[in-house]
Amino acid sequence: MGTKRHKPEEIVTKLRQVEVLRAHGMAMADAVRQIGVSDLTY
């Protein structure tokens, strides 16, 4: 089973989503899980 490679634009979008969720008061672990990645990956 291969790993999924994300395009740079997708990565930037996910990082911005985490920033927005954090600005709204969501915990880091919850925000990272919501975008579909693990804590270690983030």
PDB file of N, CA and C in Angstrom:
ATOM      1  N   MET A   1       0.844  -1.172   0.000  1.00  0.00           N
ATOM      2  CA  MET A   1       0.000   0.000   0.000  1.00  0.00           C
ATOM      3  C   MET A   1       0.891   1.237   0.000  1.00  0.00           C
ATOM      4  N   GLY A   2       0.699   2.111  -0.962  1.00  0.00           N
ATOM      5  CA  GLY A   2       1.506   3.317  -1.086  1.00  0.00           C
ATOM      6  C   GLY A   2       0.963   4.452  -0.244  1.00  0.00           C
ATOM      7  N   THR A   3       1.806   5.434  -0.031  1.00  0.00           N
ATOM      8  CA  THR A   3       1.371   6.596   0.727  1.00  0.00           C
ATOM      9  C   THR A   3       0.782   7.634  -0.220  1.00  0.00           C
ATOM     10  N   LYS A   4      -0.160   8.388   0.277  1.00  0.00           N
ATOM     11  CA  LYS A   4      -0.793   9.414  -0.548  1.00  0.00           C
ATOM     12  C   LYS A   4       0.067  10.675  -0.508  1.00  0.00           C
ATOM     13  N   ARG A   5       0.370  11.196  -1.666  1.00  0.00           N
ATOM     14  CA  ARG A   5       1.137  12.435  -1.770  1.00  0.00           C
ATOM     15  C   ARG A   5       0.180  13.586  -2.023  1.00  0.00           C
ATOM     16  N   HIS A   6       0.294  14.614  -1.205  1.00  0.00           N
ATOM     17  CA  HIS A   6      -0.538  15.787  -1.376  1.00  0.00           C
ATOM     18  C   HIS A   6       0.214  16.834  -2.181  1.00  0.00           C
ATOM     19  N   LYS A   7      -0.519  17.576  -2.976  1.00  0.00           N
ATOM     20  CA  LYS A   7       0.073  18.671  -3.726  1.00  0.00           C
ATOM     21  C   LYS A   7       0.372  19.820  -2.761  1.00  0.00           C
ATOM     22  N   PRO A   8       1.357  20.656  -3.073  1.00  0.00           N
ATOM     23  CA  PRO A   8       1.682  21.781  -2.180  1.00  0.00           C
ATOM     24  C   PRO A   8       0.479  22.676  -1.863  1.00  0.00           C
ATOM     25  N   GLU A   9      -0.389  22.876  -2.834  1.00  0.00           N
ATOM     26  CA  GLU A   9      -1.567  23.716  -2.595  1.00  0.00           C
ATOM     27  C   GLU A   9      -2.488  23.091  -1.550  1.00  0.00           C
ATOM     28  N   GLU A  10      -2.617  21.766  -1.585  1.00  0.00           N
ATOM     29  CA  GLU A  10      -3.453  21.070  -0.609  1.00  0.00           C
ATOM     30  C   GLU A  10      -2.854  21.178   0.791  1.00  0.00           C
ATOM     31  N   ILE A  11      -1.540  21.098   0.884  1.00  0.00           N
ATOM     32  CA  ILE A  11      -0.873  21.198   2.179  1.00  0.00           C
ATOM     33  C   ILE A  11      -1.088  22.581   2.774  1.00  0.00           C
ATOM     34  N   VAL A  12      -0.913  23.613   1.968  1.00  0.00           N
ATOM     35  CA  VAL A  12      -1.107  24.984   2.448  1.00  0.00           C
ATOM     36  C   VAL A  12      -2.547  25.190   2.899  1.00  0.00           C
ATOM     37  N   THR A  13      -3.497  24.641   2.160  1.00  0.00           N
ATOM     38  CA  THR A  13      -4.907  24.766   2.526  1.00  0.00           C
ATOM     39  C   THR A  13      -5.172  24.113   3.871  1.00  0.00           C
ATOM     40  N   LYS A  14      -4.626  22.934   4.082  1.00  0.00           N
ATOM     41  CA  LYS A  14      -4.830  22.236   5.357  1.00  0.00           C
ATOM     42  C   LYS A  14      -4.191  22.997   6.515  1.00  0.00           C
ATOM     43  N   LEU A  15      -3.005  23.556   6.301  1.00  0.00           N
ATOM     44  CA  LEU A  15      -2.351  24.334   7.360  1.00  0.00           C
ATOM     45  C   LEU A  15      -3.170  25.577   7.701  1.00  0.00           C
ATOM     46  N   ARG A  16      -3.736  26.214   6.706  1.00  0.00           N
ATOM     47  CA  ARG A  16      -4.583  27.388   6.962  1.00  0.00           C
ATOM     48  C   ARG A  16      -5.855  26.996   7.702  1.00  0.00           C
ATOM     49  N   GLN A  17      -6.403  25.824   7.374  1.00  0.00           N
ATOM     50  CA  GLN A  17      -7.598  25.358   8.075  1.00  0.00           C
ATOM     51  C   GLN A  17      -7.307  25.181   9.557  1.00  0.00           C
ATOM     52  N   VAL A  18      -6.140  24.634   9.875  1.00  0.00           N
ATOM     53  CA  VAL A  18      -5.771  24.457  11.285  1.00  0.00           C
ATOM     54  C   VAL A  18      -5.642  25.818  11.958  1.00  0.00           C
ATOM     55  N   GLU A  19      -5.045  26.790  11.283  1.00  0.00           N
ATOM     56  CA  GLU A  19      -4.904  28.125  11.866  1.00  0.00           C
ATOM     57  C   GLU A  19      -6.272  28.736  12.168  1.00  0.00           C
ATOM     58  N   VAL A  20      -7.210  28.576  11.256  1.00  0.00           N
ATOM     59  CA  VAL A  20      -8.554  29.126  11.464  1.00  0.00           C
ATOM     60  C   VAL A  20      -9.244  28.433  12.633  1.00  0.00           C
ATOM     61  N   LEU A  21      -9.151  27.113  12.682  1.00  0.00           N
ATOM     62  CA  LEU A  21      -9.782  26.366  13.779  1.00  0.00           C
ATOM     63  C   LEU A  21      -9.170  26.749  15.114  1.00  0.00           C
ATOM     64  N   ARG A  22      -7.856  26.930  15.148  1.00  0.00           N
ATOM     65  CA  ARG A  22      -7.177  27.335  16.387  1.00  0.00           C
ATOM     66  C   ARG A  22      -7.610  28.741  16.797  1.00  0.00           C
ATOM     67  N   ALA A  23      -7.816  29.628  15.824  1.00  0.00           N
ATOM     68  CA  ALA A  23      -8.243  30.999  16.123  1.00  0.00           C
ATOM     69  C   ALA A  23      -9.646  31.011  16.727  1.00  0.00           C
ATOM     70  N   HIS A  24     -10.452  30.016  16.400  1.00  0.00           N
ATOM     71  CA  HIS A  24     -11.802  29.905  16.948  1.00  0.00           C
ATOM     72  C   HIS A  24     -11.823  29.169  18.282  1.00  0.00           C
ATOM     73  N   GLY A  25     -10.646  28.850  18.819  1.00  0.00           N
ATOM     74  CA  GLY A  25     -10.565  28.274  20.156  1.00  0.00           C
ATOM     75  C   GLY A  25     -10.509  26.756  20.214  1.00  0.00           C
ATOM     76  N   MET A  26     -10.368  26.092  19.088  1.00  0.00           N
ATOM     77  CA  MET A  26     -10.310  24.631  19.090  1.00  0.00           C
ATOM     78  C   MET A  26      -8.922  24.168  19.541  1.00  0.00           C
ATOM     79  N   ALA A  27      -8.870  23.085  20.265  1.00  0.00           N
ATOM     80  CA  ALA A  27      -7.592  22.526  20.711  1.00  0.00           C
ATOM     81  C   ALA A  27      -6.792  22.042  19.507  1.00  0.00           C
ATOM     82  N   MET A  28      -5.471  22.089  19.629  1.00  0.00           N
ATOM     83  CA  MET A  28      -4.593  21.711  18.519  1.00  0.00           C
ATOM     84  C   MET A  28      -4.869  20.285  18.062  1.00  0.00           C
ATOM     85  N   ALA A  29      -4.968  19.355  18.984  1.00  0.00           N
ATOM     86  CA  ALA A  29      -5.187  17.949  18.617  1.00  0.00           C
ATOM     87  C   ALA A  29      -6.509  17.786  17.861  1.00  0.00           C
ATOM     88  N   ASP A  30      -7.547  18.477  18.300  1.00  0.00           N
ATOM     89  CA  ASP A  30      -8.843  18.383  17.630  1.00  0.00           C
ATOM     90  C   ASP A  30      -8.795  19.008  16.242  1.00  0.00           C
ATOM     91  N   ALA A  31      -8.118  20.139  16.116  1.00  0.00           N
ATOM     92  CA  ALA A  31      -8.016  20.823  14.818  1.00  0.00           C
ATOM     93  C   ALA A  31      -7.266  19.958  13.814  1.00  0.00           C
ATOM     94  N   VAL A  32      -6.187  19.336  14.262  1.00  0.00           N
ATOM     95  CA  VAL A  32      -5.395  18.493  13.367  1.00  0.00           C
ATOM     96  C   VAL A  32      -6.199  17.274  12.939  1.00  0.00           C
ATOM     97  N   ARG A  33      -6.930  16.676  13.874  1.00  0.00           N
ATOM     98  CA  ARG A  33      -7.764  15.528  13.525  1.00  0.00           C
ATOM     99  C   ARG A  33      -8.863  15.907  12.541  1.00  0.00           C
ATOM    100  N   GLN A  34      -9.408  17.105  12.679  1.00  0.00           N
ATOM    101  CA  GLN A  34     -10.497  17.529  11.807  1.00  0.00           C
ATOM    102  C   GLN A  34     -10.044  17.652  10.350  1.00  0.00           C
ATOM    103  N   ILE A  35      -8.775  18.008  10.101  1.00  0.00           N
ATOM    104  CA  ILE A  35      -8.314  18.110   8.714  1.00  0.00           C
ATOM    105  C   ILE A  35      -7.856  16.769   8.174  1.00  0.00           C
ATOM    106  N   GLY A  36      -7.839  15.755   9.026  1.00  0.00           N
ATOM    107  CA  GLY A  36      -7.578  14.397   8.544  1.00  0.00           C
ATOM    108  C   GLY A  36      -6.130  13.962   8.574  1.00  0.00           C
ATOM    109  N   VAL A  37      -5.321  14.530   9.456  1.00  0.00           N
ATOM    110  CA  VAL A  37      -3.940  14.076   9.591  1.00  0.00           C
ATOM    111  C   VAL A  37      -3.661  13.745  11.052  1.00  0.00           C
ATOM    112  N   SER A  38      -2.579  13.030  11.281  1.00  0.00           N
ATOM    113  CA  SER A  38      -2.232  12.692  12.663  1.00  0.00           C
ATOM    114  C   SER A  38      -1.438  13.828  13.305  1.00  0.00           C
ATOM    115  N   ASP A  39      -1.332  13.780  14.624  1.00  0.00           N
ATOM    116  CA  ASP A  39      -0.553  14.788  15.332  1.00  0.00           C
ATOM    117  C   ASP A  39       0.898  14.777  14.878  1.00  0.00           C
ATOM    118  N   LEU A  40       1.447  13.586  14.699  1.00  0.00           N
ATOM    119  CA  LEU A  40       2.846  13.482  14.311  1.00  0.00           C
ATOM    120  C   LEU A  40       3.084  14.007  12.890  1.00  0.00           C
ATOM    121  N   THR A  41       2.125  13.783  12.017  1.00  0.00           N
ATOM    122  CA  THR A  41       2.267  14.294  10.657  1.00  0.00           C
ATOM    123  C   THR A  41       2.245  15.799  10.647  1.00  0.00           C
ATOM    124  N   TYR A  42       1.370  16.390  11.449  1.00  0.00           N
ATOM    125  CA  TYR A  42       1.301  17.833  11.506  1.00  0.00           C
ATOM    126  C   TYR A  42       2.581  18.404  12.046  1.00  0.00           C
TER     127      TYR A  42
END
